[in-house]
């Protein structure tokens, strides 16, 4: 289970940034990412209480749907959630979705995942892609993320550490291509010498969208908690809580 949690957390962090980018919002701050992982944990607990046997995590396909539909409003997501709850109680509606031909679903997935992949690659625009160092780090991480996960799928019982728990942890992690790419990219980027500018870590002025431009009140507005943010700001002690909107890492 811990391996699944780690892999899901890594994927969710990438999904949060991709969702913000494709929606035209500013990159999520640390407290927003912490809050997202926290809520996913609560969702997993509730799912277990209802006996579903599945966890709750972000879904990359939904990010692709935002890119296709150009709709990123929270109100739409909330309304969709209510509709799903109602439809879950009506068996005939589920039968309609089950009857959708697989080629249609496959074609939709092709467009959705292509959009997600493009958004993920667009995060590298601040990196110096003329650098042989960066080309190696990016290419090596992506290639081995794809190949190792596929190889593990074909050789599930290849890992034998003598501990069944460790075998399961390593197997799940290595089957998750996103985790493999993240881990290799993280290690290589922090071990191979390179300047901050070359790595894309130099301080830059964030680009604003048309709706955010010249609007100083919009800084971090997308990630404020509704109704309670101003109340939370009154308590300095809450700055120490990682999921608080006032939290700032040291």
Protein backbone atom coordinates (compact mmCIF):
# COMPACT_ATOMS: atom_id res chain seq x y z
CA UNK A 1 0.00 0.00 0.00
CA UNK A 2 2.85 2.40 0.78
CA UNK A 3 4.29 1.87 -2.69
CA UNK A 4 0.91 2.75 -4.19
CA UNK A 5 0.68 5.85 -2.01
CA UNK A 6 4.15 7.06 -3.03
CA UNK A 7 3.47 6.47 -6.72
CA UNK A 8 0.06 8.17 -6.47
CA UNK A 9 1.54 11.16 -4.65
CA UNK A 10 4.21 11.68 -7.30
CA UNK A 11 1.59 11.44 -10.05
CA UNK A 12 -0.76 13.83 -8.26
CA UNK A 13 1.93 16.51 -7.83
CA UNK A 14 2.57 16.39 -11.57
CA UNK A 15 -1.18 16.48 -12.26
CA UNK A 16 -1.67 19.56 -10.08
CA UNK A 17 0.99 21.52 -11.97
CA UNK A 18 -0.25 20.32 -15.36
CA UNK A 19 -3.84 21.22 -14.46
CA UNK A 20 -2.81 24.71 -13.35
CA UNK A 21 -0.83 25.25 -16.53
CA UNK A 22 -3.55 24.07 -18.91
CA UNK A 23 -6.16 26.13 -17.01
CA UNK A 24 -4.09 29.32 -17.19
CA UNK A 25 -3.70 29.52 -13.40
CA UNK A 26 -0.52 30.28 -11.52
CA UNK A 27 1.59 27.30 -10.39
CA UNK A 28 0.15 25.75 -7.21
CA UNK A 29 1.94 26.84 -4.02
CA UNK A 30 3.22 24.33 -1.49
CA UNK A 31 0.18 24.63 0.78
CA UNK A 32 -2.17 23.88 -2.13
CA UNK A 33 -0.22 20.75 -3.09
CA UNK A 34 -0.17 19.63 0.55
CA UNK A 35 -3.91 20.21 0.80
CA UNK A 36 -4.54 18.21 -2.36
CA UNK A 37 -2.57 15.21 -1.09
CA UNK A 38 -4.32 15.57 2.28
CA UNK A 39 -7.78 15.45 0.69
CA UNK A 40 -6.79 12.47 -1.43
CA UNK A 41 -5.82 10.71 1.80
CA UNK A 42 -9.21 11.49 3.32
CA UNK A 43 -10.85 10.17 0.16
CA UNK A 44 -8.93 6.91 0.51
CA UNK A 45 -10.05 6.58 4.14
CA UNK A 46 -13.70 7.20 3.20
CA UNK A 47 -13.44 4.73 0.30
CA UNK A 48 -12.12 2.11 2.69
CA UNK A 49 -14.95 2.79 5.13
CA UNK A 50 -17.47 2.13 2.35
CA UNK A 51 -15.62 -1.03 1.36
CA UNK A 52 -14.84 -0.06 -2.22
CA UNK A 53 -11.32 -1.47 -2.09
CA UNK A 54 -9.94 1.36 -4.24
CA UNK A 55 -8.09 4.53 -3.35
CA UNK A 56 -8.77 8.10 -4.41
CA UNK A 57 -6.25 10.02 -6.47
CA UNK A 58 -6.04 12.52 -9.32
CA UNK A 59 -6.84 11.39 -12.86
CA UNK A 60 -4.66 12.58 -15.73
CA UNK A 61 -7.49 12.06 -18.23
CA UNK A 62 -9.47 14.86 -16.59
CA UNK A 63 -6.61 17.28 -17.27
CA UNK A 64 -6.74 16.33 -20.93
CA UNK A 65 -10.50 16.89 -20.86
CA UNK A 66 -9.87 20.46 -19.67
CA UNK A 67 -7.56 21.05 -22.63
CA UNK A 68 -10.15 19.71 -25.07
CA UNK A 69 -13.26 21.34 -23.62
CA UNK A 70 -11.52 24.57 -22.47
CA UNK A 71 -13.59 24.37 -19.28
CA UNK A 72 -11.70 24.49 -15.99
CA UNK A 73 -14.33 25.96 -13.67
CA UNK A 74 -14.71 24.39 -10.24
CA UNK A 75 -18.46 24.87 -10.47
CA UNK A 76 -18.57 22.57 -13.50
CA UNK A 77 -16.59 19.91 -11.63
CA UNK A 78 -18.89 20.20 -8.61
CA UNK A 79 -22.00 19.91 -10.79
CA UNK A 80 -20.46 16.93 -12.60
CA UNK A 81 -19.83 15.25 -9.25
CA UNK A 82 -23.47 15.64 -8.26
CA UNK A 83 -24.62 14.28 -11.61
CA UNK A 84 -22.34 11.25 -11.17
CA UNK A 85 -23.80 10.59 -7.73
CA UNK A 86 -27.33 10.66 -9.14
CA UNK A 87 -26.40 8.52 -12.15
CA UNK A 88 -24.77 5.95 -9.85
CA UNK A 89 -28.20 5.30 -8.35
CA UNK A 90 -29.80 4.70 -11.77
CA UNK A 91 -28.70 1.43 -13.33
CA UNK A 92 -29.94 2.24 -16.83
CA UNK A 93 -27.61 5.21 -17.08
CA UNK A 94 -24.63 3.00 -16.27
CA UNK A 95 -25.76 0.58 -18.96
CA UNK A 96 -25.65 3.39 -21.54
CA UNK A 97 -22.01 4.16 -20.71
CA UNK A 98 -21.08 0.48 -20.77
CA UNK A 99 -22.58 0.19 -24.25
CA UNK A 100 -20.23 2.85 -25.69
CA UNK A 101 -18.04 1.10 -28.33
CA UNK A 102 -14.43 0.58 -27.32
CA UNK A 103 -13.01 2.29 -30.46
CA UNK A 104 -14.74 5.52 -29.42
CA UNK A 105 -13.27 5.29 -25.94
CA UNK A 106 -9.85 4.48 -27.40
CA UNK A 107 -9.99 7.46 -29.76
CA UNK A 108 -10.94 9.75 -26.90
CA UNK A 109 -8.07 8.45 -24.80
CA UNK A 110 -5.62 9.09 -27.66
CA UNK A 111 -6.56 12.76 -27.75
CA UNK A 112 -6.71 13.12 -23.97
CA UNK A 113 -3.35 11.50 -23.22
CA UNK A 114 -1.67 13.33 -26.09
CA UNK A 115 -2.83 16.60 -24.51
CA UNK A 116 -1.58 15.54 -21.08
CA UNK A 117 1.82 14.56 -22.50
CA UNK A 118 2.15 17.86 -24.35
CA UNK A 119 1.29 19.85 -21.24
CA UNK A 120 3.87 17.88 -19.26
CA UNK A 121 6.58 18.55 -21.84
CA UNK A 122 5.68 22.25 -21.93
CA UNK A 123 6.94 22.51 -18.34
CA UNK A 124 10.44 22.16 -19.78
CA UNK A 125 10.27 25.44 -21.66
CA UNK A 126 12.36 27.19 -18.99
CA UNK A 127 15.10 24.57 -19.36
CA UNK A 128 18.00 25.07 -21.75
CA UNK A 129 17.24 22.41 -24.35
CA UNK A 130 20.46 23.25 -26.23
CA UNK A 131 22.42 21.75 -23.34
CA UNK A 132 23.67 18.20 -23.89
CA UNK A 133 23.35 17.69 -20.13
CA UNK A 134 19.62 18.44 -20.15
CA UNK A 135 19.01 16.44 -23.31
CA UNK A 136 20.59 13.41 -21.64
CA UNK A 137 18.65 13.83 -18.38
CA UNK A 138 15.29 14.27 -20.15
CA UNK A 139 15.81 11.53 -22.72
CA UNK A 140 17.22 9.01 -20.25
CA UNK A 141 14.42 9.60 -17.74
CA UNK A 142 11.58 9.36 -20.26
CA UNK A 143 13.04 6.36 -22.10
CA UNK A 144 13.69 4.30 -18.98
CA UNK A 145 10.38 5.35 -17.45
CA UNK A 146 8.63 3.79 -20.44
CA UNK A 147 10.82 0.71 -20.83
CA UNK A 148 11.31 -0.34 -17.20
CA UNK A 149 7.58 -0.16 -16.45
CA UNK A 150 6.79 -2.31 -19.51
CA UNK A 151 9.58 -4.75 -18.66
CA UNK A 152 8.27 -5.11 -15.11
CA UNK A 153 4.77 -5.81 -16.45
CA UNK A 154 6.19 -8.67 -18.49
CA UNK A 155 8.40 -9.95 -15.64
CA UNK A 156 6.34 -9.39 -12.50
CA UNK A 157 8.13 -12.00 -10.37
CA UNK A 158 11.68 -10.99 -11.29
CA UNK A 159 12.36 -9.17 -7.99
CA UNK A 160 13.18 -11.48 -5.12
CA UNK A 161 14.67 -9.77 -2.06
CA UNK A 162 13.60 -12.46 0.37
CA UNK A 163 10.89 -10.23 1.77
CA UNK A 164 7.44 -10.38 0.21
CA UNK A 165 6.66 -6.84 1.38
CA UNK A 166 9.78 -5.35 -0.23
CA UNK A 167 9.12 -7.34 -3.40
CA UNK A 168 5.65 -5.81 -3.67
CA UNK A 169 6.93 -2.28 -2.97
CA UNK A 170 9.68 -2.41 -5.61
CA UNK A 171 7.41 -4.11 -8.13
CA UNK A 172 4.65 -1.51 -7.83
CA UNK A 173 7.08 1.42 -7.95
CA UNK A 174 8.95 0.08 -10.97
CA UNK A 175 5.69 -0.63 -12.78
CA UNK A 176 4.76 3.04 -12.43
CA UNK A 177 6.45 4.76 -15.36
CA UNK A 178 5.83 8.23 -13.95
CA UNK A 179 7.61 7.35 -10.72
CA UNK A 180 10.59 5.81 -12.55
CA UNK A 181 10.96 8.89 -14.76
CA UNK A 182 10.58 11.21 -11.78
CA UNK A 183 13.14 9.32 -9.69
CA UNK A 184 15.73 9.11 -12.46
CA UNK A 185 15.20 12.73 -13.47
CA UNK A 186 15.47 13.89 -9.86
CA UNK A 187 18.68 11.96 -9.21
CA UNK A 188 20.36 12.90 -12.49
CA UNK A 189 19.37 16.58 -12.35
CA UNK A 190 20.76 16.91 -8.84
CA UNK A 191 23.97 14.95 -9.41
CA UNK A 192 25.13 16.04 -12.87
CA UNK A 193 26.71 19.54 -12.63
CA UNK A 194 24.73 22.35 -14.23
CA UNK A 195 23.96 26.01 -13.68
CA UNK A 196 20.63 27.27 -12.36
CA UNK A 197 19.90 28.92 -15.70
CA UNK A 198 20.72 25.69 -17.54
CA UNK A 199 18.42 23.71 -15.24
CA UNK A 200 15.60 26.25 -15.52
CA UNK A 201 15.75 27.12 -11.83
CA UNK A 202 16.86 30.74 -12.15
CA UNK A 203 14.34 33.28 -10.79
CA UNK A 204 12.05 34.51 -13.54
CA UNK A 205 9.09 36.84 -13.70
CA UNK A 206 5.97 34.65 -13.90
CA UNK A 207 3.92 35.16 -17.03
CA UNK A 208 0.31 36.16 -16.48
CA UNK A 209 -2.69 35.25 -18.53
CA UNK A 210 -4.94 37.91 -20.03
CA UNK A 211 -7.37 37.66 -17.11
CA UNK A 212 -4.64 37.91 -14.49
CA UNK A 213 -2.55 40.65 -16.06
CA UNK A 214 -2.31 43.89 -14.05
CA UNK A 215 -4.39 42.40 -11.25
CA UNK A 216 -2.39 42.43 -7.97
CA UNK A 217 -5.34 41.01 -6.03
CA UNK A 218 -5.21 37.83 -8.10
CA UNK A 219 -1.91 36.58 -6.63
CA UNK A 220 -2.66 33.10 -5.27
CA UNK A 221 -6.39 33.74 -5.49
CA UNK A 222 -7.00 30.43 -7.24
CA UNK A 223 -5.82 28.49 -4.20
CA UNK A 224 -7.51 30.37 -1.38
CA UNK A 225 -10.06 28.47 0.67
CA UNK A 226 -13.58 29.85 0.17
CA UNK A 227 -15.07 31.85 3.06
CA UNK A 228 -12.41 30.95 5.65
CA UNK A 229 -9.11 32.31 4.29
CA UNK A 230 -9.49 35.72 5.93
CA UNK A 231 -10.45 34.03 9.20
CA UNK A 232 -7.40 31.74 9.09
CA UNK A 233 -5.09 34.72 8.58
CA UNK A 234 -5.96 35.95 12.06
CA UNK A 235 -4.19 33.03 13.72
CA UNK A 236 -0.40 33.06 13.37
CA UNK A 237 -0.13 29.53 14.74
CA UNK A 238 -1.89 28.17 11.64
CA UNK A 239 1.13 29.22 9.58
CA UNK A 240 2.83 26.09 10.91
CA UNK A 241 0.20 23.74 9.46
CA UNK A 242 1.24 22.54 5.97
CA UNK A 243 -2.32 22.56 4.57
CA UNK A 244 -3.11 26.10 5.76
CA UNK A 245 -3.35 28.84 3.08
CA UNK A 246 -0.99 30.92 5.23
CA UNK A 247 1.67 28.20 5.39
CA UNK A 248 5.08 29.16 4.03
CA UNK A 249 7.89 26.59 4.01
CA UNK A 250 11.17 27.65 5.54
